[in-house]
N, C-alpha and C. Protein backbone atom coordinates (compact mmCIF):
# COMPACT_ATOMS: atom_id res chain seq x y z
N SER A 1 -61.34 -62.87 5.91
CA SER A 1 -60.98 -62.30 7.19
C SER A 1 -61.18 -60.79 7.12
N TYR A 2 -61.77 -60.24 8.18
CA TYR A 2 -61.95 -58.79 8.23
C TYR A 2 -60.60 -58.08 8.21
N ALA A 3 -59.59 -58.71 8.76
CA ALA A 3 -58.26 -58.12 8.79
C ALA A 3 -57.70 -57.96 7.37
N ALA A 4 -58.20 -58.71 6.42
CA ALA A 4 -57.79 -58.54 5.02
C ALA A 4 -58.74 -57.61 4.28
N LEU A 5 -60.01 -57.60 4.67
CA LEU A 5 -60.99 -56.74 4.00
C LEU A 5 -60.75 -55.25 4.28
N ILE A 6 -60.34 -54.93 5.49
CA ILE A 6 -60.13 -53.52 5.85
C ILE A 6 -59.06 -52.88 4.99
N PRO A 7 -57.85 -53.45 4.87
CA PRO A 7 -56.86 -52.84 3.98
C PRO A 7 -57.32 -52.85 2.51
N HIS A 8 -58.04 -53.90 2.12
CA HIS A 8 -58.54 -53.98 0.75
C HIS A 8 -59.49 -52.82 0.46
N ASP A 9 -60.41 -52.55 1.39
CA ASP A 9 -61.36 -51.45 1.21
C ASP A 9 -60.66 -50.10 1.16
N ASP A 10 -59.55 -49.97 1.88
CA ASP A 10 -58.80 -48.72 1.89
C ASP A 10 -57.83 -48.60 0.72
N GLY A 11 -57.69 -49.67 -0.06
CA GLY A 11 -56.75 -49.65 -1.18
C GLY A 11 -55.31 -49.86 -0.74
N ALA A 12 -55.11 -50.30 0.49
CA ALA A 12 -53.77 -50.53 1.02
C ALA A 12 -53.31 -51.95 0.69
N GLU A 13 -52.02 -52.16 0.87
CA GLU A 13 -51.45 -53.49 0.66
C GLU A 13 -51.96 -54.45 1.73
N ILE A 14 -52.32 -55.66 1.31
CA ILE A 14 -52.78 -56.68 2.26
C ILE A 14 -51.57 -57.56 2.59
N SER A 15 -50.96 -57.28 3.73
CA SER A 15 -49.78 -58.02 4.15
C SER A 15 -50.05 -58.71 5.48
N ALA A 16 -49.22 -59.69 5.77
CA ALA A 16 -49.35 -60.40 7.04
C ALA A 16 -49.15 -59.44 8.20
N GLN A 17 -48.20 -58.51 8.08
CA GLN A 17 -47.93 -57.54 9.15
C GLN A 17 -49.13 -56.63 9.37
N ALA A 18 -49.76 -56.16 8.28
CA ALA A 18 -50.93 -55.28 8.41
C ALA A 18 -52.09 -56.02 9.08
N MET A 19 -52.31 -57.26 8.69
CA MET A 19 -53.39 -58.04 9.29
C MET A 19 -53.10 -58.33 10.76
N ALA A 20 -51.86 -58.68 11.09
CA ALA A 20 -51.50 -58.96 12.48
C ALA A 20 -51.70 -57.70 13.34
N SER A 21 -51.36 -56.54 12.80
CA SER A 21 -51.54 -55.28 13.54
C SER A 21 -53.02 -55.00 13.78
N LEU A 22 -53.85 -55.22 12.76
CA LEU A 22 -55.30 -55.00 12.92
C LEU A 22 -55.90 -55.97 13.93
N ILE A 23 -55.47 -57.20 13.88
CA ILE A 23 -55.98 -58.21 14.82
C ILE A 23 -55.61 -57.84 16.24
N LYS A 24 -54.35 -57.43 16.44
CA LYS A 24 -53.89 -57.04 17.77
C LYS A 24 -54.64 -55.79 18.25
N ALA A 25 -54.83 -54.81 17.37
CA ALA A 25 -55.52 -53.57 17.73
C ALA A 25 -56.97 -53.82 18.11
N SER A 26 -57.57 -54.87 17.55
CA SER A 26 -58.97 -55.19 17.86
C SER A 26 -59.11 -55.93 19.19
N GLY A 27 -57.97 -56.32 19.76
CA GLY A 27 -58.01 -57.04 21.04
C GLY A 27 -58.18 -58.53 20.87
N CYS A 28 -58.03 -59.01 19.66
CA CYS A 28 -58.17 -60.45 19.40
C CYS A 28 -56.80 -61.10 19.28
N ASN A 29 -56.79 -62.42 19.34
CA ASN A 29 -55.56 -63.19 19.18
C ASN A 29 -55.80 -64.32 18.19
N VAL A 30 -54.83 -64.55 17.33
CA VAL A 30 -54.85 -65.71 16.43
C VAL A 30 -53.44 -66.29 16.42
N GLU A 31 -53.34 -67.52 16.01
CA GLU A 31 -52.03 -68.13 15.85
C GLU A 31 -51.25 -67.32 14.82
N GLY A 32 -49.96 -67.20 15.01
CA GLY A 32 -49.12 -66.36 14.17
C GLY A 32 -49.09 -66.72 12.70
N TYR A 33 -49.41 -67.95 12.36
CA TYR A 33 -49.35 -68.35 10.95
C TYR A 33 -50.58 -67.93 10.14
N TRP A 34 -51.71 -67.60 10.80
CA TRP A 34 -52.93 -67.26 10.05
C TRP A 34 -52.78 -66.00 9.19
N PRO A 35 -52.26 -64.89 9.72
CA PRO A 35 -52.09 -63.73 8.84
C PRO A 35 -51.19 -64.00 7.64
N MET A 36 -50.12 -64.78 7.87
CA MET A 36 -49.22 -65.12 6.78
C MET A 36 -49.93 -65.95 5.71
N LEU A 37 -50.70 -66.96 6.15
CA LEU A 37 -51.43 -67.80 5.18
C LEU A 37 -52.47 -66.99 4.41
N MET A 38 -53.20 -66.13 5.12
CA MET A 38 -54.22 -65.32 4.47
C MET A 38 -53.60 -64.36 3.47
N ALA A 39 -52.49 -63.71 3.84
CA ALA A 39 -51.80 -62.78 2.93
C ALA A 39 -51.30 -63.51 1.68
N LYS A 40 -50.80 -64.72 1.86
CA LYS A 40 -50.32 -65.49 0.72
C LYS A 40 -51.48 -65.88 -0.20
N MET A 41 -52.61 -66.27 0.40
CA MET A 41 -53.78 -66.63 -0.40
C MET A 41 -54.29 -65.41 -1.18
N VAL A 42 -54.33 -64.26 -0.53
CA VAL A 42 -54.79 -63.04 -1.20
C VAL A 42 -53.86 -62.69 -2.35
N SER A 43 -52.55 -62.84 -2.15
CA SER A 43 -51.60 -62.50 -3.23
C SER A 43 -51.69 -63.49 -4.39
N ASN A 44 -52.00 -64.75 -4.10
CA ASN A 44 -52.10 -65.76 -5.18
C ASN A 44 -53.44 -65.72 -5.90
N VAL A 45 -54.54 -65.55 -5.16
CA VAL A 45 -55.88 -65.63 -5.74
C VAL A 45 -56.44 -64.25 -6.05
N GLY A 46 -56.17 -63.29 -5.20
CA GLY A 46 -56.71 -61.95 -5.35
C GLY A 46 -57.92 -61.77 -4.45
N MET A 47 -57.98 -60.61 -3.80
CA MET A 47 -59.06 -60.36 -2.84
C MET A 47 -60.42 -60.31 -3.53
N ASP A 48 -60.50 -59.70 -4.70
CA ASP A 48 -61.79 -59.63 -5.41
C ASP A 48 -62.31 -61.03 -5.73
N ALA A 49 -61.43 -61.92 -6.16
CA ALA A 49 -61.84 -63.29 -6.46
C ALA A 49 -62.30 -64.02 -5.20
N LEU A 50 -61.61 -63.80 -4.10
CA LEU A 50 -62.01 -64.44 -2.83
C LEU A 50 -63.37 -63.94 -2.36
N ILE A 51 -63.62 -62.65 -2.54
CA ILE A 51 -64.91 -62.10 -2.14
C ILE A 51 -66.03 -62.70 -2.99
N LYS A 52 -65.79 -62.84 -4.28
CA LYS A 52 -66.80 -63.42 -5.17
C LYS A 52 -67.08 -64.88 -4.85
N MET A 53 -66.06 -65.60 -4.35
CA MET A 53 -66.23 -67.02 -4.02
C MET A 53 -67.17 -67.20 -2.83
N GLY A 54 -67.19 -66.26 -1.92
CA GLY A 54 -68.00 -66.42 -0.71
C GLY A 54 -67.27 -67.27 0.29
N SER A 55 -67.90 -67.50 1.40
CA SER A 55 -67.25 -68.23 2.48
C SER A 55 -67.48 -69.73 2.43
N GLY A 56 -68.58 -70.15 1.79
CA GLY A 56 -68.89 -71.57 1.81
C GLY A 56 -69.42 -72.03 3.15
N ALA A 57 -69.85 -71.10 3.92
CA ALA A 57 -70.35 -71.41 5.24
C ALA A 57 -71.83 -71.68 5.27
N GLY A 58 -72.43 -71.81 4.12
CA GLY A 58 -73.85 -72.10 4.06
C GLY A 58 -74.69 -70.87 4.24
N GLY A 59 -75.95 -71.04 4.54
CA GLY A 59 -76.85 -69.93 4.76
C GLY A 59 -77.65 -69.56 3.54
N GLY A 60 -77.15 -69.74 2.35
CA GLY A 60 -77.86 -69.33 1.15
C GLY A 60 -78.55 -70.47 0.44
N GLY A 61 -78.60 -71.64 1.03
CA GLY A 61 -79.18 -72.80 0.37
C GLY A 61 -80.69 -72.74 0.30
N ALA A 62 -81.24 -73.52 -0.59
CA ALA A 62 -82.69 -73.59 -0.75
C ALA A 62 -83.30 -74.39 0.40
N ALA A 63 -84.56 -74.16 0.64
CA ALA A 63 -85.26 -74.91 1.68
C ALA A 63 -85.37 -76.38 1.25
N ALA A 64 -85.38 -77.25 2.23
CA ALA A 64 -85.48 -78.68 1.95
C ALA A 64 -86.86 -79.03 1.44
N GLY A 65 -86.91 -79.98 0.54
CA GLY A 65 -88.19 -80.45 0.01
C GLY A 65 -88.84 -81.39 1.01
N PRO A 66 -90.02 -81.88 0.70
CA PRO A 66 -90.70 -82.81 1.61
C PRO A 66 -89.89 -84.09 1.76
N ALA A 67 -89.95 -84.67 2.93
CA ALA A 67 -89.20 -85.89 3.20
C ALA A 67 -89.85 -87.06 2.46
N ALA A 68 -89.03 -88.00 2.04
CA ALA A 68 -89.55 -89.19 1.37
C ALA A 68 -90.28 -90.06 2.39
N GLY A 69 -91.42 -90.59 1.99
CA GLY A 69 -92.24 -91.38 2.91
C GLY A 69 -91.68 -92.75 3.18
N ALA A 70 -91.28 -93.46 2.16
CA ALA A 70 -90.77 -94.82 2.32
C ALA A 70 -89.36 -94.90 1.77
N ALA A 71 -88.62 -95.91 2.20
CA ALA A 71 -87.26 -96.07 1.72
C ALA A 71 -87.27 -96.26 0.20
N GLY A 72 -86.39 -95.52 -0.47
CA GLY A 72 -86.30 -95.65 -1.92
C GLY A 72 -87.29 -94.76 -2.66
N GLU A 73 -88.20 -94.15 -1.97
CA GLU A 73 -89.18 -93.29 -2.62
C GLU A 73 -88.55 -91.94 -2.89
N ALA A 74 -88.69 -91.42 -4.08
CA ALA A 74 -88.11 -90.13 -4.45
C ALA A 74 -88.97 -89.00 -3.90
N PRO A 75 -88.35 -87.85 -3.56
CA PRO A 75 -89.14 -86.71 -3.11
C PRO A 75 -90.05 -86.21 -4.22
N ALA A 76 -91.08 -85.52 -3.84
CA ALA A 76 -92.03 -84.99 -4.82
C ALA A 76 -91.34 -84.00 -5.73
N ALA A 77 -91.76 -83.94 -6.98
CA ALA A 77 -91.21 -83.01 -7.94
C ALA A 77 -91.47 -81.59 -7.47
N GLY A 78 -90.52 -80.71 -7.74
CA GLY A 78 -90.72 -79.32 -7.37
C GLY A 78 -89.91 -78.93 -6.15
N GLY A 79 -89.39 -79.87 -5.39
CA GLY A 79 -88.54 -79.57 -4.25
C GLY A 79 -89.18 -78.58 -3.30
N ALA A 80 -88.52 -77.47 -3.07
CA ALA A 80 -89.00 -76.47 -2.11
C ALA A 80 -90.31 -75.85 -2.57
N ALA A 81 -90.47 -75.66 -3.87
CA ALA A 81 -91.71 -75.07 -4.38
C ALA A 81 -92.89 -76.01 -4.12
N GLY A 82 -92.66 -77.31 -4.28
CA GLY A 82 -93.70 -78.29 -3.99
C GLY A 82 -94.07 -78.28 -2.52
N GLY A 83 -93.07 -78.13 -1.65
CA GLY A 83 -93.32 -78.07 -0.21
C GLY A 83 -94.12 -76.84 0.17
N ALA A 84 -93.85 -75.71 -0.49
CA ALA A 84 -94.58 -74.48 -0.19
C ALA A 84 -96.04 -74.61 -0.62
N ALA A 85 -96.26 -75.24 -1.78
CA ALA A 85 -97.63 -75.42 -2.26
C ALA A 85 -98.40 -76.35 -1.33
N GLU A 86 -97.73 -77.39 -0.84
CA GLU A 86 -98.37 -78.33 0.08
C GLU A 86 -98.72 -77.63 1.39
N LYS A 87 -97.83 -76.79 1.88
CA LYS A 87 -98.08 -76.07 3.12
C LYS A 87 -99.28 -75.13 2.97
N LYS A 88 -99.36 -74.46 1.82
CA LYS A 88 -100.49 -73.55 1.57
C LYS A 88 -101.80 -74.33 1.54
N LYS A 89 -101.77 -75.52 0.93
CA LYS A 89 -102.97 -76.35 0.85
C LYS A 89 -103.43 -76.76 2.25
N VAL A 90 -102.46 -77.14 3.11
CA VAL A 90 -102.79 -77.55 4.47
C VAL A 90 -103.39 -76.37 5.23
N GLU A 91 -102.82 -75.19 5.06
CA GLU A 91 -103.34 -74.00 5.74
C GLU A 91 -104.77 -73.69 5.29
N GLU A 92 -105.03 -73.84 4.01
CA GLU A 92 -106.38 -73.59 3.49
C GLU A 92 -107.37 -74.59 4.09
N GLU A 93 -106.94 -75.86 4.20
CA GLU A 93 -107.82 -76.87 4.79
C GLU A 93 -108.10 -76.56 6.25
N GLU A 94 -107.09 -76.08 6.97
CA GLU A 94 -107.31 -75.75 8.37
C GLU A 94 -108.27 -74.57 8.51
N GLU A 95 -108.16 -73.62 7.62
CA GLU A 95 -109.09 -72.47 7.65
C GLU A 95 -110.50 -72.91 7.37
N GLU A 96 -110.68 -73.84 6.44
CA GLU A 96 -112.03 -74.35 6.13
C GLU A 96 -112.60 -75.07 7.35
N GLU A 97 -111.77 -75.84 8.06
CA GLU A 97 -112.25 -76.56 9.23
C GLU A 97 -112.66 -75.59 10.34
N GLU A 98 -111.91 -74.50 10.47
CA GLU A 98 -112.24 -73.51 11.49
C GLU A 98 -113.56 -72.81 11.18
N MET A 99 -113.89 -72.67 9.90
CA MET A 99 -115.13 -72.00 9.50
C MET A 99 -116.35 -72.87 9.80
N ASP A 100 -116.16 -74.19 9.84
CA ASP A 100 -117.28 -75.11 10.07
C ASP A 100 -117.74 -75.13 11.47
């Protein structure tokens, strides 16, 4: 939560009251229990550890490999790298066709 990161960056105590004040000052609203839960999690786990964990919201995953053609067929070896090589090969073939 940004309401926990701001006091952390300033070296201030991360408390439920501080987070609730920041949330209110920003013009946002949350249920009253969220700042308390976040403050308790920060005190138990530590803000640095939470930052290192990341959000788990995705976004950093690898590209999907080529889809399996038939049921039970395994994807080609190489995953995303294999898919990139296949795409490059298709592009080269299209360029050759355009030259003809």
